[in-house]
């Protein structure tokens, strides 16, 4: 939409070109909304991020548990020192 505004502000633009750009922009926005409604892209993306977050949280908890059980941090320090 910013690009359309810039084109309009140039002053020497063919009105037919502006109409075509407005129609294309409207059509594109409508199609994106239809696809999102059909496939719930926003909802699915949020769900996917939530699942990834849960997996990361579980991985960190497990790594902490293993470190406590096997003293991995101390062993790594000894190996590097």
C-alpha atoms as a PDB file:
ATOM      1  CA  UNK A   1       0.000   0.000   0.000  1.00  0.00           C
ATOM      2  CA  UNK A   2       2.926   2.341   0.609  1.00  0.00           C
ATOM      3  CA  UNK A   3       4.131   1.660  -2.912  1.00  0.00           C
ATOM      4  CA  UNK A   4       0.687   2.541  -4.270  1.00  0.00           C
ATOM      5  CA  UNK A   5       0.715   5.815  -2.347  1.00  0.00           C
ATOM      6  CA  UNK A   6       4.158   6.648  -3.753  1.00  0.00           C
ATOM      7  CA  UNK A   7       2.934   5.963  -7.286  1.00  0.00           C
ATOM      8  CA  UNK A   8      -0.120   8.190  -6.737  1.00  0.00           C
ATOM      9  CA  UNK A   9       2.051  10.998  -5.367  1.00  0.00           C
ATOM     10  CA  UNK A  10       4.259  11.108  -8.457  1.00  0.00           C
ATOM     11  CA  UNK A  11       1.705  13.332 -10.154  1.00  0.00           C
ATOM     12  CA  UNK A  12       2.282  12.243 -13.757  1.00  0.00           C
ATOM     13  CA  UNK A  13       0.809   8.765 -13.344  1.00  0.00           C
ATOM     14  CA  UNK A  14      -1.800   7.338 -15.687  1.00  0.00           C
ATOM     15  CA  UNK A  15      -5.078   6.953 -13.729  1.00  0.00           C
ATOM     16  CA  UNK A  16      -5.670   3.613 -15.461  1.00  0.00           C
ATOM     17  CA  UNK A  17      -2.366   2.332 -14.065  1.00  0.00           C
ATOM     18  CA  UNK A  18      -3.393   3.422 -10.573  1.00  0.00           C
ATOM     19  CA  UNK A  19      -6.734   1.639 -10.972  1.00  0.00           C
ATOM     20  CA  UNK A  20      -4.953  -1.542 -12.076  1.00  0.00           C
ATOM     21  CA  UNK A  21      -2.604  -1.375  -9.089  1.00  0.00           C
ATOM     22  CA  UNK A  22      -5.510  -0.813  -6.679  1.00  0.00           C
ATOM     23  CA  UNK A  23      -7.411  -3.740  -8.172  1.00  0.00           C
ATOM     24  CA  UNK A  24      -4.355  -6.010  -7.982  1.00  0.00           C
ATOM     25  CA  UNK A  25      -3.697  -5.005  -4.376  1.00  0.00           C
ATOM     26  CA  UNK A  26      -7.302  -5.587  -3.385  1.00  0.00           C
ATOM     27  CA  UNK A  27      -7.365  -8.944  -5.146  1.00  0.00           C
ATOM     28  CA  UNK A  28      -4.120 -10.029  -3.493  1.00  0.00           C
ATOM     29  CA  UNK A  29      -5.328  -9.020  -0.015  1.00  0.00           C
ATOM     30  CA  UNK A  30      -8.603 -10.864  -0.575  1.00  0.00           C
ATOM     31  CA  UNK A  31      -6.827 -14.029  -1.754  1.00  0.00           C
ATOM     32  CA  UNK A  32      -4.456 -13.990   1.227  1.00  0.00           C
ATOM     33  CA  UNK A  33      -7.434 -13.682   3.569  1.00  0.00           C
ATOM     34  CA  UNK A  34      -9.228 -16.564   1.834  1.00  0.00           C
ATOM     35  CA  UNK A  35      -6.163 -18.809   2.076  1.00  0.00           C
ATOM     36  CA  UNK A  36      -5.699 -17.919   5.725  1.00  0.00           C
ATOM     37  CA  UNK A  37      -9.360 -18.628   6.460  1.00  0.00           C
ATOM     38  CA  UNK A  38      -9.220 -21.949   4.615  1.00  0.00           C
ATOM     39  CA  UNK A  39      -5.972 -23.222   6.087  1.00  0.00           C
ATOM     40  CA  UNK A  40      -5.876 -21.212   9.347  1.00  0.00           C
ATOM     41  CA  UNK A  41      -2.243 -20.294   8.729  1.00  0.00           C
ATOM     42  CA  UNK A  42      -2.029 -17.945  11.698  1.00  0.00           C
ATOM     43  CA  UNK A  43      -3.564 -20.475  14.081  1.00  0.00           C
ATOM     44  CA  UNK A  44      -1.459 -23.317  12.730  1.00  0.00           C
ATOM     45  CA  UNK A  45       1.682 -21.213  12.996  1.00  0.00           C
ATOM     46  CA  UNK A  46       0.875 -20.318  16.593  1.00  0.00           C
ATOM     47  CA  UNK A  47       0.217 -23.968  17.416  1.00  0.00           C
ATOM     48  CA  UNK A  48       3.472 -25.038  15.791  1.00  0.00           C
ATOM     49  CA  UNK A  49       5.421 -22.434  17.752  1.00  0.00           C
ATOM     50  CA  UNK A  50       3.726 -23.577  20.950  1.00  0.00           C
ATOM     51  CA  UNK A  51       4.712 -27.182  20.283  1.00  0.00           C
ATOM     52  CA  UNK A  52       8.301 -26.163  19.541  1.00  0.00           C
ATOM     53  CA  UNK A  53       8.369 -24.135  22.754  1.00  0.00           C
ATOM     54  CA  UNK A  54       7.135 -27.126  24.747  1.00  0.00           C
ATOM     55  CA  UNK A  55       9.782 -29.358  23.175  1.00  0.00           C
ATOM     56  CA  UNK A  56      12.548 -26.866  23.952  1.00  0.00           C
ATOM     57  CA  UNK A  57      11.338 -26.584  27.531  1.00  0.00           C
ATOM     58  CA  UNK A  58      11.348 -30.387  27.909  1.00  0.00           C
ATOM     59  CA  UNK A  59      14.819 -30.638  26.350  1.00  0.00           C
ATOM     60  CA  UNK A  60      16.234 -28.049  28.740  1.00  0.00           C
ATOM     61  CA  UNK A  61      14.622 -29.789  31.707  1.00  0.00           C
ATOM     62  CA  UNK A  62      16.051 -33.141  30.602  1.00  0.00           C
ATOM     63  CA  UNK A  63      19.510 -31.652  30.035  1.00  0.00           C
ATOM     64  CA  UNK A  64      19.404 -30.142  33.518  1.00  0.00           C
ATOM     65  CA  UNK A  65      18.323 -33.481  34.974  1.00  0.00           C
ATOM     66  CA  UNK A  66      21.114 -35.356  33.176  1.00  0.00           C
ATOM     67  CA  UNK A  67      23.663 -32.755  34.217  1.00  0.00           C
ATOM     68  CA  UNK A  68      22.624 -33.159  37.863  1.00  0.00           C
ATOM     69  CA  UNK A  69      22.732 -36.934  37.619  1.00  0.00           C
ATOM     70  CA  UNK A  70      26.012 -37.325  35.763  1.00  0.00           C
ATOM     71  CA  UNK A  71      27.808 -34.059  36.659  1.00  0.00           C
ATOM     72  CA  UNK A  72      28.318 -33.315  32.967  1.00  0.00           C
ATOM     73  CA  UNK A  73      29.284 -29.694  33.547  1.00  0.00           C
ATOM     74  CA  UNK A  74      32.067 -30.666  35.942  1.00  0.00           C
ATOM     75  CA  UNK A  75      33.288 -33.366  33.562  1.00  0.00           C
ATOM     76  CA  UNK A  76      33.315 -30.882  30.675  1.00  0.00           C
ATOM     77  CA  UNK A  77      35.315 -28.387  32.769  1.00  0.00           C
ATOM     78  CA  UNK A  78      37.816 -31.111  33.684  1.00  0.00           C
ATOM     79  CA  UNK A  79      38.161 -32.158  30.052  1.00  0.00           C
ATOM     80  CA  UNK A  80      38.801 -28.569  28.937  1.00  0.00           C
ATOM     81  CA  UNK A  81      41.004 -27.628  31.900  1.00  0.00           C
END
